[in-house]
Amino acid sequence: MQLDVFPDQTRLRREEPEKNVRRFYMMVVQRDLFGGASLVREWGRLSSPGRVQIDHHPDEGQAIDALANLMTVTRARLRRYLRVKQELLTAGTRVVNYPG
């Protein structure tokens, strides 16, 4: 069994039922018939078709590089989102004492 050093697909999912948020984001590198490769990105609400964007690249290596660059940006956005959410949770934290 050979492990992928450079992943050719990524799937992200976000669910927050209390806010009615159910989203997905998928990126896949696919070879085409002409020796190139395409980076296919799909995003939207879970259980719906979503939007699709296809970026064509001359070879699979460049498509994987584009995927890696997008994942770097996506991770930065996720870290920023989680940091902001954590700050909001910290600022809005209340201590509730229950009788008993």
PDB file of N, CA and C in Angstrom:
ATOM      1  N   MET A   1       0.839  -1.178   0.000  1.00  0.00           N
ATOM      2  CA  MET A   1       0.000   0.000   0.000  1.00  0.00           C
ATOM      3  C   MET A   1       0.884   1.241   0.000  1.00  0.00           C
ATOM      4  N   GLN A   2       0.613   2.162  -0.912  1.00  0.00           N
ATOM      5  CA  GLN A   2       1.390   3.382  -1.011  1.00  0.00           C
ATOM      6  C   GLN A   2       0.571   4.553  -0.490  1.00  0.00           C
ATOM      7  N   LEU A   3       1.165   5.342   0.399  1.00  0.00           N
ATOM      8  CA  LEU A   3       0.488   6.506   0.945  1.00  0.00           C
ATOM      9  C   LEU A   3       0.729   7.709   0.055  1.00  0.00           C
ATOM     10  N   ASP A   4      -0.256   8.586  -0.052  1.00  0.00           N
ATOM     11  CA  ASP A   4      -0.115   9.801  -0.840  1.00  0.00           C
ATOM     12  C   ASP A   4       0.704  10.825  -0.073  1.00  0.00           C
ATOM     13  N   VAL A   5       1.785  11.280  -0.690  1.00  0.00           N
ATOM     14  CA  VAL A   5       2.580  12.339  -0.091  1.00  0.00           C
ATOM     15  C   VAL A   5       1.883  13.674  -0.324  1.00  0.00           C
ATOM     16  N   PHE A   6       1.334  13.837  -1.519  1.00  0.00           N
ATOM     17  CA  PHE A   6       0.611  15.044  -1.876  1.00  0.00           C
ATOM     18  C   PHE A   6      -0.851  14.674  -2.093  1.00  0.00           C
ATOM     19  N   PRO A   7      -1.724  15.024  -1.166  1.00  0.00           N
ATOM     20  CA  PRO A   7      -3.139  14.634  -1.318  1.00  0.00           C
ATOM     21  C   PRO A   7      -3.762  15.284  -2.544  1.00  0.00           C
ATOM     22  N   ASP A   8      -4.640  14.533  -3.215  1.00  0.00           N
ATOM     23  CA  ASP A   8      -5.289  15.055  -4.415  1.00  0.00           C
ATOM     24  C   ASP A   8      -6.764  15.362  -4.186  1.00  0.00           C
ATOM     25  N   GLN A   9      -7.204  15.293  -2.923  1.00  0.00           N
ATOM     26  CA  GLN A   9      -8.583  15.675  -2.619  1.00  0.00           C
ATOM     27  C   GLN A   9      -8.713  16.089  -1.161  1.00  0.00           C
ATOM     28  N   THR A  10      -9.671  16.978  -0.922  1.00  0.00           N
ATOM     29  CA  THR A  10      -9.952  17.455   0.423  1.00  0.00           C
ATOM     30  C   THR A  10     -11.446  17.668   0.554  1.00  0.00           C
ATOM     31  N   ARG A  11     -11.995  17.232   1.670  1.00  0.00           N
ATOM     32  CA  ARG A  11     -13.417  17.450   1.941  1.00  0.00           C
ATOM     33  C   ARG A  11     -13.551  18.078   3.317  1.00  0.00           C
ATOM     34  N   LEU A  12     -14.268  19.188   3.378  1.00  0.00           N
ATOM     35  CA  LEU A  12     -14.526  19.873   4.637  1.00  0.00           C
ATOM     36  C   LEU A  12     -16.028  19.932   4.866  1.00  0.00           C
ATOM     37  N   ARG A  13     -16.416  19.919   6.120  1.00  0.00           N
ATOM     38  CA  ARG A  13     -17.843  19.931   6.449  1.00  0.00           C
ATOM     39  C   ARG A  13     -18.051  20.757   7.701  1.00  0.00           C
ATOM     40  N   ARG A  14     -19.082  21.582   7.700  1.00  0.00           N
ATOM     41  CA  ARG A  14     -19.394  22.415   8.868  1.00  0.00           C
ATOM     42  C   ARG A  14     -20.871  22.257   9.183  1.00  0.00           C
ATOM     43  N   GLU A  15     -21.146  21.872  10.410  1.00  0.00           N
ATOM     44  CA  GLU A  15     -22.533  21.719  10.845  1.00  0.00           C
ATOM     45  C   GLU A  15     -22.725  22.397  12.195  1.00  0.00           C
ATOM     46  N   GLU A  16     -23.683  23.296  12.247  1.00  0.00           N
ATOM     47  CA  GLU A  16     -24.104  23.943  13.492  1.00  0.00           C
ATOM     48  C   GLU A  16     -25.628  23.937  13.501  1.00  0.00           C
ATOM     49  N   PRO A  17     -26.236  22.856  14.001  1.00  0.00           N
ATOM     50  CA  PRO A  17     -27.696  22.734  13.949  1.00  0.00           C
ATOM     51  C   PRO A  17     -28.433  23.874  14.638  1.00  0.00           C
ATOM     52  N   GLU A  18     -27.871  24.406  15.737  1.00  0.00           N
ATOM     53  CA  GLU A  18     -28.559  25.484  16.451  1.00  0.00           C
ATOM     54  C   GLU A  18     -28.657  26.751  15.616  1.00  0.00           C
ATOM     55  N   LYS A  19     -27.765  26.921  14.630  1.00  0.00           N
ATOM     56  CA  LYS A  19     -27.806  28.084  13.733  1.00  0.00           C
ATOM     57  C   LYS A  19     -28.302  27.725  12.340  1.00  0.00           C
ATOM     58  N   ASN A  20     -28.716  26.466  12.152  1.00  0.00           N
ATOM     59  CA  ASN A  20     -29.176  25.958  10.863  1.00  0.00           C
ATOM     60  C   ASN A  20     -28.092  26.104   9.788  1.00  0.00           C
ATOM     61  N   VAL A  21     -26.839  25.840  10.182  1.00  0.00           N
ATOM     62  CA  VAL A  21     -25.708  25.912   9.254  1.00  0.00           C
ATOM     63  C   VAL A  21     -25.249  24.497   8.945  1.00  0.00           C
ATOM     64  N   ARG A  22     -25.325  24.118   7.688  1.00  0.00           N
ATOM     65  CA  ARG A  22     -24.855  22.807   7.224  1.00  0.00           C
ATOM     66  C   ARG A  22     -24.193  23.029   5.870  1.00  0.00           C
ATOM     67  N   ARG A  23     -22.876  23.121   5.857  1.00  0.00           N
ATOM     68  CA  ARG A  23     -22.136  23.464   4.650  1.00  0.00           C
ATOM     69  C   ARG A  23     -21.070  22.416   4.347  1.00  0.00           C
ATOM     70  N   PHE A  24     -20.677  22.348   3.077  1.00  0.00           N
ATOM     71  CA  PHE A  24     -19.578  21.485   2.676  1.00  0.00           C
ATOM     72  C   PHE A  24     -18.687  22.228   1.693  1.00  0.00           C
ATOM     73  N   TYR A  25     -17.429  21.795   1.611  1.00  0.00           N
ATOM     74  CA  TYR A  25     -16.468  22.336   0.668  1.00  0.00           C
ATOM     75  C   TYR A  25     -15.594  21.171   0.244  1.00  0.00           C
ATOM     76  N   MET A  26     -15.477  20.941  -1.070  1.00  0.00           N
ATOM     77  CA  MET A  26     -14.730  19.805  -1.580  1.00  0.00           C
ATOM     78  C   MET A  26     -13.806  20.264  -2.688  1.00  0.00           C
ATOM     79  N   MET A  27     -12.572  19.783  -2.679  1.00  0.00           N
ATOM     80  CA  MET A  27     -11.614  20.059  -3.742  1.00  0.00           C
ATOM     81  C   MET A  27     -11.001  18.739  -4.183  1.00  0.00           C
ATOM     82  N   VAL A  28     -11.004  18.482  -5.495  1.00  0.00           N
ATOM     83  CA  VAL A  28     -10.486  17.229  -6.044  1.00  0.00           C
ATOM     84  C   VAL A  28      -9.664  17.532  -7.290  1.00  0.00           C
ATOM     85  N   VAL A  29      -8.498  16.882  -7.421  1.00  0.00           N
ATOM     86  CA  VAL A  29      -7.696  16.978  -8.641  1.00  0.00           C
ATOM     87  C   VAL A  29      -8.052  15.781  -9.516  1.00  0.00           C
ATOM     88  N   GLN A  30      -8.425  16.060 -10.769  1.00  0.00           N
ATOM     89  CA  GLN A  30      -8.798  15.003 -11.709  1.00  0.00           C
ATOM     90  C   GLN A  30      -7.984  15.153 -12.980  1.00  0.00           C
ATOM     91  N   ARG A  31      -7.490  14.034 -13.511  1.00  0.00           N
ATOM     92  CA  ARG A  31      -6.788  14.062 -14.797  1.00  0.00           C
ATOM     93  C   ARG A  31      -7.800  14.243 -15.917  1.00  0.00           C
ATOM     94  N   ASP A  32      -7.379  14.940 -16.985  1.00  0.00           N
ATOM     95  CA  ASP A  32      -8.268  15.061 -18.135  1.00  0.00           C
ATOM     96  C   ASP A  32      -7.736  14.212 -19.298  1.00  0.00           C
ATOM     97  N   LEU A  33      -8.438  14.204 -20.398  1.00  0.00           N
ATOM     98  CA  LEU A  33      -8.081  13.351 -21.541  1.00  0.00           C
ATOM     99  C   LEU A  33      -6.887  13.870 -22.333  1.00  0.00           C
ATOM    100  N   PHE A  34      -6.452  15.080 -22.092  1.00  0.00           N
ATOM    101  CA  PHE A  34      -5.417  15.698 -22.915  1.00  0.00           C
ATOM    102  C   PHE A  34      -4.074  15.805 -22.192  1.00  0.00           C
ATOM    103  N   GLY A  35      -3.889  15.074 -21.106  1.00  0.00           N
ATOM    104  CA  GLY A  35      -2.622  15.061 -20.394  1.00  0.00           C
ATOM    105  C   GLY A  35      -2.517  16.094 -19.290  1.00  0.00           C
ATOM    106  N   GLY A  36      -3.508  16.922 -19.131  1.00  0.00           N
ATOM    107  CA  GLY A  36      -3.519  17.932 -18.078  1.00  0.00           C
ATOM    108  C   GLY A  36      -4.288  17.439 -16.869  1.00  0.00           C
ATOM    109  N   ALA A  37      -4.621  18.367 -16.018  1.00  0.00           N
ATOM    110  CA  ALA A  37      -5.398  18.043 -14.824  1.00  0.00           C
ATOM    111  C   ALA A  37      -6.282  19.234 -14.488  1.00  0.00           C
ATOM    112  N   SER A  38      -7.353  18.953 -13.782  1.00  0.00           N
ATOM    113  CA  SER A  38      -8.279  20.002 -13.356  1.00  0.00           C
ATOM    114  C   SER A  38      -8.455  19.944 -11.851  1.00  0.00           C
ATOM    115  N   LEU A  39      -8.541  21.120 -11.257  1.00  0.00           N
ATOM    116  CA  LEU A  39      -8.877  21.231  -9.843  1.00  0.00           C
ATOM    117  C   LEU A  39     -10.357  21.584  -9.784  1.00  0.00           C
ATOM    118  N   VAL A  40     -11.146  20.647  -9.297  1.00  0.00           N
ATOM    119  CA  VAL A  40     -12.600  20.826  -9.227  1.00  0.00           C
ATOM    120  C   VAL A  40     -12.950  21.202  -7.792  1.00  0.00           C
ATOM    121  N   ARG A  41     -13.619  22.353  -7.636  1.00  0.00           N
ATOM    122  CA  ARG A  41     -14.053  22.810  -6.308  1.00  0.00           C
ATOM    123  C   ARG A  41     -15.570  22.856  -6.299  1.00  0.00           C
ATOM    124  N   GLU A  42     -16.147  22.310  -5.244  1.00  0.00           N
ATOM    125  CA  GLU A  42     -17.598  22.333  -5.084  1.00  0.00           C
ATOM    126  C   GLU A  42     -17.911  22.743  -3.658  1.00  0.00           C
ATOM    127  N   TRP A  43     -18.908  23.618  -3.490  1.00  0.00           N
ATOM    128  CA  TRP A  43     -19.275  24.082  -2.158  1.00  0.00           C
ATOM    129  C   TRP A  43     -20.754  24.419  -2.131  1.00  0.00           C
ATOM    130  N   GLY A  44     -21.309  24.423  -0.923  1.00  0.00           N
ATOM    131  CA  GLY A  44     -22.717  24.774  -0.753  1.00  0.00           C
ATOM    132  C   GLY A  44     -23.293  24.148   0.499  1.00  0.00           C
ATOM    133  N   ARG A  45     -24.632  24.088   0.536  1.00  0.00           N
ATOM    134  CA  ARG A  45     -25.326  23.477   1.666  1.00  0.00           C
ATOM    135  C   ARG A  45     -25.347  21.963   1.505  1.00  0.00           C
ATOM    136  N   LEU A  46     -25.246  21.261   2.630  1.00  0.00           N
ATOM    137  CA  LEU A  46     -25.369  19.807   2.590  1.00  0.00           C
ATOM    138  C   LEU A  46     -26.746  19.438   2.052  1.00  0.00           C
ATOM    139  N   SER A  47     -26.826  18.344   1.368  1.00  0.00           N
ATOM    140  CA  SER A  47     -28.049  17.816   0.755  1.00  0.00           C
ATOM    141  C   SER A  47     -28.563  18.694  -0.389  1.00  0.00           C
ATOM    142  N   SER A  48     -27.668  19.506  -0.966  1.00  0.00           N
ATOM    143  CA  SER A  48     -28.022  20.251  -2.177  1.00  0.00           C
ATOM    144  C   SER A  48     -26.835  20.154  -3.135  1.00  0.00           C
ATOM    145  N   PRO A  49     -27.062  20.382  -4.439  1.00  0.00           N
ATOM    146  CA  PRO A  49     -25.984  20.194  -5.412  1.00  0.00           C
ATOM    147  C   PRO A  49     -24.760  21.092  -5.191  1.00  0.00           C
ATOM    148  N   GLY A  50     -24.946  22.324  -4.799  1.00  0.00           N
ATOM    149  CA  GLY A  50     -23.816  23.211  -4.576  1.00  0.00           C
ATOM    150  C   GLY A  50     -23.321  23.856  -5.854  1.00  0.00           C
ATOM    151  N   ARG A  51     -22.328  24.706  -5.717  1.00  0.00           N
ATOM    152  CA  ARG A  51     -21.718  25.382  -6.854  1.00  0.00           C
ATOM    153  C   ARG A  51     -20.418  24.677  -7.199  1.00  0.00           C
ATOM    154  N   VAL A  52     -20.040  24.742  -8.488  1.00  0.00           N
ATOM    155  CA  VAL A  52     -18.841  24.058  -8.954  1.00  0.00           C
ATOM    156  C   VAL A  52     -17.970  25.040  -9.726  1.00  0.00           C
ATOM    157  N   GLN A  53     -16.671  24.994  -9.459  1.00  0.00           N
ATOM    158  CA  GLN A  53     -15.704  25.770 -10.233  1.00  0.00           C
ATOM    159  C   GLN A  53     -14.586  24.821 -10.645  1.00  0.00           C
ATOM    160  N   ILE A  54     -14.195  24.876 -11.920  1.00  0.00           N
ATOM    161  CA  ILE A  54     -13.150  24.004 -12.447  1.00  0.00           C
ATOM    162  C   ILE A  54     -12.002  24.870 -12.943  1.00  0.00           C
ATOM    163  N   ASP A  55     -10.794  24.606 -12.417  1.00  0.00           N
ATOM    164  CA  ASP A  55      -9.585  25.297 -12.847  1.00  0.00           C
ATOM    165  C   ASP A  55      -8.708  24.294 -13.587  1.00  0.00           C
ATOM    166  N   HIS A  56      -8.373  24.597 -14.843  1.00  0.00           N
ATOM    167  CA  HIS A  56      -7.551  23.697 -15.656  1.00  0.00           C
ATOM    168  C   HIS A  56      -6.071  24.018 -15.469  1.00  0.00           C
ATOM    169  N   HIS A  57      -5.233  22.956 -15.417  1.00  0.00           N
ATOM    170  CA  HIS A  57      -3.791  23.103 -15.246  1.00  0.00           C
ATOM    171  C   HIS A  57      -3.080  22.202 -16.250  1.00  0.00           C
ATOM    172  N   PRO A  58      -1.868  22.591 -16.684  1.00  0.00           N
ATOM    173  CA  PRO A  58      -1.156  21.801 -17.694  1.00  0.00           C
ATOM    174  C   PRO A  58      -0.764  20.403 -17.235  1.00  0.00           C
ATOM    175  N   ASP A  59      -0.521  20.219 -15.928  1.00  0.00           N
ATOM    176  CA  ASP A  59      -0.194  18.879 -15.441  1.00  0.00           C
ATOM    177  C   ASP A  59      -0.722  18.692 -14.017  1.00  0.00           C
ATOM    178  N   GLU A  60      -0.662  17.454 -13.568  1.00  0.00           N
ATOM    179  CA  GLU A  60      -1.234  17.114 -12.265  1.00  0.00           C
ATOM    180  C   GLU A  60      -0.469  17.773 -11.119  1.00  0.00           C
ATOM    181  N   GLY A  61       0.844  17.937 -11.280  1.00  0.00           N
ATOM    182  CA  GLY A  61       1.653  18.574 -10.236  1.00  0.00           C
ATOM    183  C   GLY A  61       1.215  20.003  -9.961  1.00  0.00           C
ATOM    184  N   GLN A  62       0.944  20.758 -11.020  1.00  0.00           N
ATOM    185  CA  GLN A  62       0.499  22.141 -10.830  1.00  0.00           C
ATOM    186  C   GLN A  62      -0.890  22.193 -10.207  1.00  0.00           C
ATOM    187  N   ALA A  63      -1.750  21.245 -10.561  1.00  0.00           N
ATOM    188  CA  ALA A  63      -3.087  21.197  -9.967  1.00  0.00           C
ATOM    189  C   ALA A  63      -2.995  20.881  -8.474  1.00  0.00           C
ATOM    190  N   ILE A  64      -2.095  19.973  -8.104  1.00  0.00           N
ATOM    191  CA  ILE A  64      -1.918  19.633  -6.688  1.00  0.00           C
ATOM    192  C   ILE A  64      -1.320  20.815  -5.934  1.00  0.00           C
ATOM    193  N   ASP A  65      -0.393  21.552  -6.571  1.00  0.00           N
ATOM    194  CA  ASP A  65       0.146  22.770  -5.945  1.00  0.00           C
ATOM    195  C   ASP A  65      -0.965  23.784  -5.689  1.00  0.00           C
ATOM    196  N   ALA A  66      -1.872  23.946  -6.667  1.00  0.00           N
ATOM    197  CA  ALA A  66      -2.994  24.875  -6.499  1.00  0.00           C
ATOM    198  C   ALA A  66      -3.889  24.419  -5.349  1.00  0.00           C
ATOM    199  N   LEU A  67      -4.120  23.115  -5.242  1.00  0.00           N
ATOM    200  CA  LEU A  67      -4.906  22.567  -4.131  1.00  0.00           C
ATOM    201  C   LEU A  67      -4.227  22.868  -2.796  1.00  0.00           C
ATOM    202  N   ALA A  68      -2.917  22.680  -2.723  1.00  0.00           N
ATOM    203  CA  ALA A  68      -2.180  22.953  -1.484  1.00  0.00           C
ATOM    204  C   ALA A  68      -2.267  24.435  -1.117  1.00  0.00           C
ATOM    205  N   ASN A  69      -2.140  25.316  -2.107  1.00  0.00           N
ATOM    206  CA  ASN A  69      -2.242  26.753  -1.841  1.00  0.00           C
ATOM    207  C   ASN A  69      -3.628  27.121  -1.332  1.00  0.00           C
ATOM    208  N   LEU A  70      -4.663  26.559  -1.935  1.00  0.00           N
ATOM    209  CA  LEU A  70      -6.022  26.832  -1.474  1.00  0.00           C
ATOM    210  C   LEU A  70      -6.251  26.296  -0.067  1.00  0.00           C
ATOM    211  N   MET A  71      -5.673  25.145   0.248  1.00  0.00           N
ATOM    212  CA  MET A  71      -5.829  24.598   1.597  1.00  0.00           C
ATOM    213  C   MET A  71      -5.138  25.486   2.629  1.00  0.00           C
ATOM    214  N   THR A  72      -4.011  26.106   2.262  1.00  0.00           N
ATOM    215  CA  THR A  72      -3.335  27.026   3.171  1.00  0.00           C
ATOM    216  C   THR A  72      -4.243  28.205   3.494  1.00  0.00           C
ATOM    217  N   VAL A  73      -4.883  28.755   2.465  1.00  0.00           N
ATOM    218  CA  VAL A  73      -5.806  29.875   2.657  1.00  0.00           C
ATOM    219  C   VAL A  73      -7.014  29.432   3.470  1.00  0.00           C
ATOM    220  N   THR A  74      -7.539  28.249   3.155  1.00  0.00           N
ATOM    221  CA  THR A  74      -8.714  27.736   3.855  1.00  0.00           C
ATOM    222  C   THR A  74      -8.402  27.497   5.329  1.00  0.00           C
ATOM    223  N   ARG A  75      -7.225  26.932   5.625  1.00  0.00           N
ATOM    224  CA  ARG A  75      -6.847  26.709   7.022  1.00  0.00           C
ATOM    225  C   ARG A  75      -6.738  28.025   7.780  1.00  0.00           C
ATOM    226  N   ALA A  76      -6.172  29.054   7.119  1.00  0.00           N
ATOM    227  CA  ALA A  76      -6.052  30.370   7.766  1.00  0.00           C
ATOM    228  C   ALA A  76      -7.429  30.938   8.065  1.00  0.00           C
ATOM    229  N   ARG A  77      -8.358  30.797   7.129  1.00  0.00           N
ATOM    230  CA  ARG A  77      -9.723  31.275   7.359  1.00  0.00           C
ATOM    231  C   ARG A  77     -10.374  30.508   8.498  1.00  0.00           C
ATOM    232  N   LEU A  78     -10.179  29.186   8.541  1.00  0.00           N
ATOM    233  CA  LEU A  78     -10.761  28.386   9.619  1.00  0.00           C
ATOM    234  C   LEU A  78     -10.172  28.777  10.969  1.00  0.00           C
ATOM    235  N   ARG A  79      -8.841  28.969  11.014  1.00  0.00           N
ATOM    236  CA  ARG A  79      -8.224  29.381  12.278  1.00  0.00           C
ATOM    237  C   ARG A  79      -8.780  30.721  12.742  1.00  0.00           C
ATOM    238  N   ARG A  80      -8.938  31.669  11.796  1.00  0.00           N
ATOM    239  CA  ARG A  80      -9.466  32.984  12.152  1.00  0.00           C
ATOM    240  C   ARG A  80     -10.899  32.837  12.650  1.00  0.00           C
ATOM    241  N   TYR A  81     -11.718  32.027  11.961  1.00  0.00           N
ATOM    242  CA  TYR A  81     -13.111  31.816  12.362  1.00  0.00           C
ATOM    243  C   TYR A  81     -13.172  31.199  13.759  1.00  0.00           C
ATOM    244  N   LEU A  82     -12.354  30.169  13.985  1.00  0.00           N
ATOM    245  CA  LEU A  82     -12.388  29.506  15.286  1.00  0.00           C
ATOM    246  C   LEU A  82     -11.897  30.438  16.384  1.00  0.00           C
ATOM    247  N   ARG A  83     -10.890  31.274  16.088  1.00  0.00           N
ATOM    248  CA  ARG A  83     -10.388  32.216  17.085  1.00  0.00           C
ATOM    249  C   ARG A  83     -11.461  33.241  17.439  1.00  0.00           C
ATOM    250  N   VAL A  84     -12.145  33.777  16.421  1.00  0.00           N
ATOM    251  CA  VAL A  84     -13.213  34.753  16.665  1.00  0.00           C
ATOM    252  C   VAL A  84     -14.336  34.098  17.448  1.00  0.00           C
ATOM    253  N   LYS A  85     -14.695  32.881  17.071  1.00  0.00           N
ATOM    254  CA  LYS A  85     -15.767  32.180  17.770  1.00  0.00           C
ATOM    255  C   LYS A  85     -15.366  31.934  19.225  1.00  0.00           C
ATOM    256  N   GLN A  86     -14.114  31.539  19.462  1.00  0.00           N
ATOM    257  CA  GLN A  86     -13.647  31.302  20.821  1.00  0.00           C
ATOM    258  C   GLN A  86     -13.696  32.593  21.632  1.00  0.00           C
ATOM    259  N   GLU A  87     -13.294  33.730  21.021  1.00  0.00           N
ATOM    260  CA  GLU A  87     -13.348  35.017  21.720  1.00  0.00           C
ATOM    261  C   GLU A  87     -14.784  35.377  22.071  1.00  0.00           C
ATOM    262  N   LEU A  88     -15.713  35.112  21.150  1.00  0.00           N
ATOM    263  CA  LEU A  88     -17.121  35.403  21.425  1.00  0.00           C
ATOM    264  C   LEU A  88     -17.635  34.533  22.565  1.00  0.00           C
ATOM    265  N   LEU A  89     -17.236  33.264  22.560  1.00  0.00           N
ATOM    266  CA  LEU A  89     -17.668  32.373  23.636  1.00  0.00           C
ATOM    267  C   LEU A  89     -17.087  32.821  24.971  1.00  0.00           C
ATOM    268  N   THR A  90     -15.838  33.231  24.976  1.00  0.00           N
ATOM    269  CA  THR A  90     -15.200  33.669  26.211  1.00  0.00           C
ATOM    270  C   THR A  90     -15.850  34.949  26.729  1.00  0.00           C
ATOM    271  N   ALA A  91     -16.119  35.892  25.816  1.00  0.00           N
ATOM    272  CA  ALA A  91     -16.709  37.170  26.225  1.00  0.00           C
ATOM    273  C   ALA A  91     -18.144  36.989  26.710  1.00  0.00           C
ATOM    274  N   GLY A  92     -18.850  36.019  26.155  1.00  0.00           N
ATOM    275  CA  GLY A  92     -20.252  35.848  26.500  1.00  0.00           C
ATOM    276  C   GLY A  92     -20.516  34.754  27.516  1.00  0.00           C
ATOM    277  N   THR A  93     -19.475  34.258  28.161  1.00  0.00           N
ATOM    278  CA  THR A  93     -19.638  33.165  29.105  1.00  0.00           C
ATOM    279  C   THR A  93     -20.295  33.650  30.396  1.00  0.00           C
ATOM    280  N   ARG A  94     -21.289  32.916  30.830  1.00  0.00           N
ATOM    281  CA  ARG A  94     -21.948  33.223  32.102  1.00  0.00           C
ATOM    282  C   ARG A  94     -21.850  32.005  33.000  1.00  0.00           C
ATOM    283  N   VAL A  95     -21.715  32.262  34.261  1.00  0.00           N
ATOM    284  CA  VAL A  95     -21.717  31.167  35.237  1.00  0.00           C
ATOM    285  C   VAL A  95     -23.113  31.094  35.818  1.00  0.00           C
ATOM    286  N   VAL A  96     -23.711  29.946  35.709  1.00  0.00           N
ATOM    287  CA  VAL A  96     -25.070  29.759  36.221  1.00  0.00           C
ATOM    288  C   VAL A  96     -25.014  28.783  37.381  1.00  0.00           C
ATOM    289  N   ASN A  97     -25.485  29.213  38.512  1.00  0.00           N
ATOM    290  CA  ASN A  97     -25.539  28.342  39.686  1.00  0.00           C
ATOM    291  C   ASN A  97     -26.957  27.783  39.815  1.00  0.00           C
ATOM    292  N   TYR A  98     -27.037  26.467  39.789  1.00  0.00           N
ATOM    293  CA  TYR A  98     -28.331  25.820  39.964  1.00  0.00           C
ATOM    294  C   TYR A  98     -28.530  25.491  41.423  1.00  0.00           C
ATOM    295  N   PRO A  99     -29.724  25.721  41.905  1.00  0.00           N
ATOM    296  CA  PRO A  99     -29.976  25.365  43.315  1.00  0.00           C
ATOM    297  C   PRO A  99     -29.922  23.849  43.480  1.00  0.00           C
ATOM    298  N   GLY A 100     -29.436  23.432  44.565  1.00  0.00           N
ATOM    299  CA  GLY A 100     -29.441  21.992  44.758  1.00  0.00           C
ATOM    300  C   GLY A 100     -28.374  21.575  45.601  1.00  0.00           C
TER     301      GLY A 100
END
